[in-house]
Amino acid sequence: MDGGTILKDKSKIIEYINKKIETNVFDVKQSYYHSRKKFDLIKDVVAFANSSSVDDKYIVFNIDNTTFELCNMDMTLLPDVSEIENLLNEYCEPKIDIELNKFNYNGGQVAYLKVCSSNLDFPYMIKKNFELDGRIKLNQGQIYIRHGATNSIANRSDLDMLINMRISRVIKIESQSIEQKQIVVDNRAVLMYSSSFIFRNSANTNYLIKSAKINLKTPENIFSIKVVFISNSDILAFTSKKFLDNKLFNIDANSTIEKSAFFEITKECKDILMKHKDKITGELRIVDVNNVEVISNALLWSIK
C-alpha cells in the first residue's frame, strides 16, 4: 500500500474518531478479534461490504468504543492480512476486498481493517456454516448488513436495496447534448435524435438492457420518449432487427463504452422543447432483463 493511501485513511479515521460515533462506515474495537471470535470478524466484514455507503469502511482497533480514547492493544497480536483474506475467502462470497494497516496516533498506534469501496458485487453472504464447539455461529446463505452502528440480517427491503445498489453502481451514465441525425432504417430515411452516454460495467457479469427511454422536462411539461436502439454515435444506417424491441443491448463485464441512444421526437414535442431550450433537464432510464431500472442523474440538456 502506498504512503498516500495510508495518509488518506489516517485523515478519515481520525475525523471519525473525533466525532465519537460509530456509523455504517466506521466501527471501533479495543483490541483485535479474539481467536474464538473469528465469526464476528466475518460478520462485521460482510455487513460493511453490504453497507449502502459508497465510501471505504473502517474497523479500527485500539480505540475504546465508549470514550474513543486510545487503548493499549498489543500490536504483535495483529495477524498478517493474508490470514484474514484466507478466512474471508473460505466463509464469504463473492470475494471481499480488504486492506490492513496501522499508523501512529496520540503517542501510540491504531490499526485498521478497511473494507474497500471497490466491493460492488452485492449482496455479500456467508458461503458455509461456521461452527464452534459443535454450535453453528454463522449459517450458510445469511446476508448481514450494516445499519448505523448495528449489524443485522438482511430483510426483504434490504435485499431489494442491495440489488438496486449493485445495478446503480455498475452502470454510470453521463449524458450529453441531443443531436439531430438523418438515419437510414431498412433502406428508408428517418429523422432521429441521439444522445451519447458512457456506460461503465464494474461487475463480473454482462449487463443486458432490454428497454430504455429518455425523459425530457421543461418547467411546464414532461416528455417520455422511447429509445429505439443503442449504437455508435457515427452510425448512418441499420436494420430494425437491432431495435431494443428485437435485440438486447449487451455491456460486457468489467468494461466502459461510449454509445448513443437513438430516438424520435415529434414536431409538436420539439416545438415545445425549443421554447425552453435553455431549461431542459433530461434523464435516461434503462431496464435490464431482470426488470431492474437504472436512472441517470437529471442534467441540463440542449438540443442541437
Protein backbone atom coordinates (compact mmCIF):
# COMPACT_ATOMS: atom_id res chain seq x y z
CA MET A 1 0.00 0.00 0.00
CA ASP A 2 1.40 3.44 -0.88
CA GLY A 3 2.01 6.12 1.72
CA GLY A 4 -0.55 8.45 0.17
CA THR A 5 -3.33 5.93 0.68
CA ILE A 6 -2.36 5.40 4.34
CA LEU A 7 -2.32 9.17 4.94
CA LYS A 8 -5.75 9.47 3.36
CA ASP A 9 -7.09 6.63 5.52
CA LYS A 10 -5.48 8.13 8.61
CA SER A 11 -7.12 11.50 7.98
CA LYS A 12 -10.55 9.91 7.57
CA ILE A 13 -10.20 7.67 10.61
CA ILE A 14 -9.06 10.50 12.91
CA GLU A 15 -12.01 12.56 11.69
CA TYR A 16 -14.35 9.67 12.57
CA ILE A 17 -12.71 9.18 15.97
CA ASN A 18 -13.12 12.86 16.80
CA LYS A 19 -16.85 12.63 16.06
CA LYS A 20 -17.08 9.86 18.69
CA ILE A 21 -19.83 7.89 16.99
CA GLU A 22 -19.91 4.56 15.19
CA THR A 23 -21.66 4.56 11.82
CA ASN A 24 -22.26 2.40 8.74
CA VAL A 25 -18.67 3.15 7.64
CA PHE A 26 -16.85 3.22 10.99
CA ASP A 27 -16.51 0.84 13.93
CA VAL A 28 -14.01 0.79 16.80
CA LYS A 29 -12.74 -2.03 18.98
CA GLN A 30 -10.39 -2.02 21.97
CA SER A 31 -8.42 -4.92 20.53
CA TYR A 32 -8.27 -7.27 17.58
CA TYR A 33 -10.76 -10.16 17.40
CA HIS A 34 -10.12 -13.00 19.84
CA SER A 35 -9.20 -16.31 18.18
CA ARG A 36 -12.58 -17.70 19.29
CA LYS A 37 -14.44 -14.74 17.79
CA LYS A 38 -13.45 -15.15 14.16
CA PHE A 39 -17.13 -15.43 13.27
CA ASP A 40 -17.60 -11.84 14.49
CA LEU A 41 -14.85 -10.71 12.13
CA ILE A 42 -16.60 -12.44 9.23
CA LYS A 43 -19.98 -10.98 10.19
CA ASP A 44 -18.58 -7.44 10.54
CA VAL A 45 -16.79 -7.51 7.18
CA VAL A 46 -19.84 -8.88 5.34
CA ALA A 47 -22.10 -6.27 6.97
CA PHE A 48 -19.74 -3.45 6.00
CA ALA A 49 -19.36 -4.79 2.45
CA ASN A 50 -23.17 -4.60 2.13
CA SER A 51 -23.37 -1.08 3.59
CA SER A 52 -25.26 1.43 1.46
CA SER A 53 -22.40 3.94 1.70
CA VAL A 54 -20.16 4.44 -1.35
CA ASP A 55 -17.17 5.21 0.91
CA ASP A 56 -14.46 2.93 2.26
CA LYS A 57 -15.43 1.32 5.58
CA TYR A 58 -13.11 1.06 8.58
CA ILE A 59 -12.92 -1.33 11.53
CA VAL A 60 -10.47 0.40 13.84
CA PHE A 61 -8.55 -1.35 16.63
CA ASN A 62 -7.05 0.04 19.87
CA ILE A 63 -9.81 2.64 20.37
CA ASP A 64 -12.31 2.45 23.24
CA ASN A 65 -15.87 2.26 21.89
CA THR A 66 -17.24 4.43 24.71
CA THR A 67 -14.65 7.15 25.26
CA PHE A 68 -12.99 6.86 21.82
CA GLU A 69 -9.65 7.19 23.57
CA LEU A 70 -6.52 5.21 22.68
CA CYS A 71 -6.19 1.83 24.44
CA ASN A 72 -3.14 -0.38 25.00
CA MET A 73 -3.60 -3.19 22.47
CA ASP A 74 -0.62 -5.42 21.81
CA MET A 75 0.04 -4.79 18.11
CA THR A 76 2.04 -8.00 17.80
CA LEU A 77 -1.29 -9.86 18.01
CA LEU A 78 -2.39 -8.32 14.72
CA PRO A 79 -2.33 -11.06 12.04
CA ASP A 80 -1.00 -10.79 8.51
CA VAL A 81 -3.62 -9.59 6.06
CA SER A 82 -3.30 -12.87 4.13
CA GLU A 83 -4.67 -14.74 7.17
CA ILE A 84 -7.76 -12.54 7.17
CA GLU A 85 -8.17 -12.87 3.40
CA ASN A 86 -7.99 -16.66 3.62
CA LEU A 87 -10.65 -16.70 6.34
CA LEU A 88 -12.96 -14.43 4.35
CA ASN A 89 -12.45 -16.38 1.13
CA GLU A 90 -13.38 -19.57 2.98
CA TYR A 91 -16.57 -18.24 4.54
CA CYS A 92 -17.75 -15.36 2.33
CA GLU A 93 -18.93 -15.00 -1.24
CA PRO A 94 -18.26 -13.29 -3.53
CA LYS A 95 -14.70 -12.20 -2.73
CA ILE A 96 -14.42 -9.12 -0.49
CA ASP A 97 -11.51 -6.71 -0.99
CA ILE A 98 -9.86 -5.58 2.25
CA GLU A 99 -6.70 -3.85 3.43
CA LEU A 100 -4.97 -3.98 6.82
CA ASN A 101 -2.68 -1.28 8.14
CA LYS A 102 -1.76 0.87 11.13
CA PHE A 103 -0.49 4.35 11.92
CA ASN A 104 0.87 6.37 14.85
CA TYR A 105 -1.73 8.19 16.90
CA ASN A 106 -1.54 10.16 20.18
CA GLY A 107 1.71 8.54 21.27
CA GLY A 108 0.56 5.04 20.37
CA GLN A 109 -0.69 3.15 17.36
CA VAL A 110 -4.05 2.50 15.72
CA ALA A 111 -4.65 -0.48 13.43
CA TYR A 112 -7.48 -0.68 10.94
CA LEU A 113 -9.14 -3.13 8.60
CA LYS A 114 -10.51 -1.36 5.53
CA VAL A 115 -13.44 -2.86 3.63
CA CYS A 116 -12.83 -1.24 0.27
CA SER A 117 -15.40 0.81 -1.63
CA SER A 118 -14.48 -1.24 -4.73
CA ASN A 119 -16.72 -4.05 -3.44
CA LEU A 120 -19.67 -3.72 -5.84
CA ASP A 121 -20.83 -7.30 -6.37
CA PHE A 122 -23.77 -7.14 -3.94
CA PRO A 123 -25.06 -8.95 -1.99
CA TYR A 124 -22.21 -10.46 0.02
CA MET A 125 -23.14 -13.52 2.06
CA ILE A 126 -21.96 -16.40 4.22
CA LYS A 127 -20.65 -19.19 1.99
CA LYS A 128 -20.84 -22.04 4.51
CA ASN A 129 -21.71 -22.69 8.14
CA PHE A 130 -19.21 -21.51 10.73
CA GLU A 131 -19.15 -23.91 13.65
CA LEU A 132 -17.53 -23.52 17.08
CA ASP A 133 -17.68 -26.15 19.81
CA GLY A 134 -20.36 -28.00 17.89
CA ARG A 135 -22.62 -24.94 17.57
CA ILE A 136 -23.37 -23.01 14.40
CA LYS A 137 -22.37 -19.37 14.75
CA LEU A 138 -22.96 -18.35 11.12
CA ASN A 139 -25.37 -20.01 8.72
CA GLN A 140 -24.76 -20.61 5.04
CA GLY A 141 -26.68 -18.08 2.94
CA GLN A 142 -27.02 -15.45 5.67
CA ILE A 143 -26.65 -11.87 4.47
CA TYR A 144 -25.60 -9.29 7.04
CA ILE A 145 -25.97 -5.57 6.51
CA ARG A 146 -24.81 -2.52 8.41
CA HIS A 147 -27.47 -0.06 9.62
CA GLY A 148 -25.84 2.78 11.51
CA ALA A 149 -23.70 1.17 14.23
CA THR A 150 -25.58 -2.16 14.13
CA ASN A 151 -25.15 -5.34 12.11
CA SER A 152 -28.34 -7.22 11.28
CA ILE A 153 -29.56 -10.00 9.00
CA ALA A 154 -30.92 -8.50 5.78
CA ASN A 155 -34.68 -8.49 5.29
CA ARG A 156 -36.59 -8.28 2.01
CA SER A 157 -36.33 -4.50 1.70
CA ASP A 158 -32.60 -4.72 2.41
CA LEU A 159 -32.22 -7.28 -0.38
CA ASP A 160 -34.12 -5.04 -2.79
CA MET A 161 -31.80 -2.19 -1.86
CA LEU A 162 -28.69 -4.34 -2.35
CA ILE A 163 -29.83 -5.45 -5.80
CA ASN A 164 -30.58 -1.85 -6.80
CA MET A 165 -27.21 -0.75 -5.40
CA ARG A 166 -25.45 -3.40 -7.44
CA ILE A 167 -27.03 -2.20 -10.66
CA SER A 168 -26.86 1.53 -9.96
CA ARG A 169 -23.16 1.30 -9.16
CA VAL A 170 -22.44 -0.98 -12.07
CA ILE A 171 -23.85 1.41 -14.68
CA LYS A 172 -22.76 5.02 -14.66
CA ILE A 173 -24.45 7.31 -17.17
CA GLU A 174 -23.20 10.68 -18.30
CA SER A 175 -25.46 12.49 -20.75
CA GLN A 176 -24.53 14.96 -23.45
CA SER A 177 -26.47 17.14 -25.88
CA ILE A 178 -29.21 15.88 -28.20
CA GLU A 179 -28.26 15.92 -31.87
CA GLN A 180 -30.48 15.55 -34.91
CA LYS A 181 -29.42 12.95 -37.49
CA GLN A 182 -30.60 11.52 -40.78
CA ILE A 183 -30.60 7.72 -40.41
CA VAL A 184 -31.45 5.02 -42.90
CA VAL A 185 -33.57 2.26 -41.36
CA ASP A 186 -34.38 -0.74 -43.56
CA ASN A 187 -33.48 1.37 -46.62
CA ARG A 188 -35.82 4.16 -45.51
CA ALA A 189 -34.63 7.63 -44.48
CA VAL A 190 -35.69 8.55 -40.93
CA LEU A 191 -35.03 11.72 -38.95
CA MET A 192 -33.84 10.76 -35.48
CA TYR A 193 -32.16 12.31 -32.48
CA SER A 194 -29.27 10.86 -30.49
CA SER A 195 -27.59 11.50 -27.19
CA SER A 196 -24.28 10.00 -26.08
CA PHE A 197 -23.76 8.09 -22.84
CA ILE A 198 -20.88 6.42 -21.06
CA PHE A 199 -21.71 3.00 -19.62
CA ARG A 200 -19.35 1.56 -17.01
CA ASN A 201 -19.91 -2.06 -16.01
CA SER A 202 -17.73 -2.86 -12.99
CA ALA A 203 -19.36 -6.23 -12.32
CA ASN A 204 -18.00 -9.62 -13.32
CA THR A 205 -21.09 -10.42 -15.38
CA ASN A 206 -22.54 -8.91 -18.55
CA TYR A 207 -25.34 -6.36 -18.26
CA LEU A 208 -28.25 -6.79 -20.68
CA ILE A 209 -30.56 -3.87 -21.47
CA LYS A 210 -33.99 -4.78 -22.80
CA SER A 211 -35.60 -1.33 -22.97
CA ALA A 212 -34.81 2.33 -22.42
CA LYS A 213 -36.47 5.72 -22.50
CA ILE A 214 -35.46 9.34 -22.16
CA ASN A 215 -37.46 11.76 -20.03
CA LEU A 216 -37.18 15.39 -21.05
CA LYS A 217 -38.61 18.01 -18.71
CA THR A 218 -39.35 21.69 -19.10
CA PRO A 219 -40.81 23.94 -16.39
CA GLU A 220 -44.27 23.08 -17.76
CA ASN A 221 -44.05 19.68 -19.49
CA ILE A 222 -42.63 16.18 -19.18
CA PHE A 223 -41.99 14.05 -22.27
CA SER A 224 -41.23 10.34 -22.02
CA ILE A 225 -39.55 9.22 -25.26
CA LYS A 226 -38.82 5.62 -26.16
CA VAL A 227 -35.23 4.78 -27.09
CA VAL A 228 -35.31 2.85 -30.36
CA PHE A 229 -31.79 1.45 -30.27
CA ILE A 230 -28.32 1.99 -28.81
CA SER A 231 -25.26 2.03 -31.04
CA ASN A 232 -22.19 4.00 -32.10
CA SER A 233 -22.75 7.73 -32.50
CA ASP A 234 -21.47 7.78 -36.09
CA ILE A 235 -23.93 5.17 -37.39
CA LEU A 236 -25.78 6.20 -40.56
CA ALA A 237 -27.77 3.08 -41.40
CA PHE A 238 -29.07 0.00 -39.61
CA THR A 239 -31.88 -2.53 -39.70
CA SER A 240 -34.91 -2.76 -37.43
CA LYS A 241 -33.55 -6.09 -36.20
CA LYS A 242 -31.26 -4.00 -33.99
CA PHE A 243 -34.17 -2.27 -32.26
CA LEU A 244 -34.28 -2.85 -28.49
CA ASP A 245 -37.69 -4.43 -29.09
CA ASN A 246 -35.94 -7.15 -31.07
CA LYS A 247 -32.44 -7.42 -29.61
CA LEU A 248 -30.94 -6.94 -26.15
CA PHE A 249 -28.11 -4.44 -25.81
CA ASN A 250 -25.12 -6.02 -24.07
CA ILE A 251 -22.50 -4.31 -21.92
CA ASP A 252 -19.59 -6.67 -21.29
CA ALA A 253 -18.36 -7.38 -17.77
CA ASN A 254 -15.67 -5.00 -16.48
CA SER A 255 -15.93 -2.65 -19.45
CA THR A 256 -16.50 1.00 -20.24
CA ILE A 257 -18.13 2.00 -23.51
CA GLU A 258 -19.47 5.19 -25.03
CA LYS A 259 -22.63 4.73 -27.08
CA SER A 260 -25.54 6.81 -28.30
CA ALA A 261 -29.22 6.31 -27.64
CA PHE A 262 -31.37 6.97 -30.72
CA PHE A 263 -34.98 8.13 -30.51
CA GLU A 264 -37.62 10.09 -32.38
CA ILE A 265 -39.16 13.38 -31.28
CA THR A 266 -42.41 14.56 -32.78
CA LYS A 267 -42.61 18.06 -34.27
CA GLU A 268 -45.11 19.11 -31.57
CA CYS A 269 -42.78 17.90 -28.84
CA LYS A 270 -39.74 19.58 -30.39
CA ASP A 271 -41.59 22.90 -30.75
CA ILE A 272 -42.35 22.90 -27.03
CA LEU A 273 -38.83 21.87 -26.10
CA MET A 274 -37.25 24.55 -28.26
CA LYS A 275 -39.24 27.22 -26.41
CA HIS A 276 -37.44 26.13 -23.24
CA LYS A 277 -34.16 25.03 -24.79
CA ASP A 278 -32.11 26.60 -22.01
CA LYS A 279 -34.17 24.97 -19.24
CA ILE A 280 -34.47 21.36 -20.39
CA THR A 281 -33.46 18.64 -17.96
CA GLY A 282 -33.19 15.06 -19.09
CA GLU A 283 -32.55 11.58 -17.76
CA LEU A 284 -32.03 8.19 -19.31
CA ARG A 285 -33.93 5.23 -17.82
CA ILE A 286 -32.80 1.74 -18.73
CA VAL A 287 -34.34 -1.59 -17.75
CA ASP A 288 -32.35 -4.83 -17.67
CA VAL A 289 -33.52 -8.40 -18.29
CA ASN A 290 -34.29 -8.74 -14.55
CA ASN A 291 -36.65 -5.75 -14.75
CA VAL A 292 -34.33 -3.60 -12.62
CA GLU A 293 -34.46 0.05 -13.66
CA VAL A 294 -31.45 2.37 -13.57
CA ILE A 295 -31.91 6.11 -13.82
CA SER A 296 -29.19 8.57 -14.76
CA ASN A 297 -28.79 11.84 -12.91
CA ALA A 298 -31.09 14.56 -14.21
CA LEU A 299 -28.87 17.03 -16.06
CA LEU A 300 -29.33 20.12 -18.16
CA TRP A 301 -29.68 19.05 -21.77
CA SER A 302 -29.57 21.02 -25.00
CA ILE A 303 -31.00 20.30 -28.45
CA LYS A 304 -28.87 21.00 -31.50
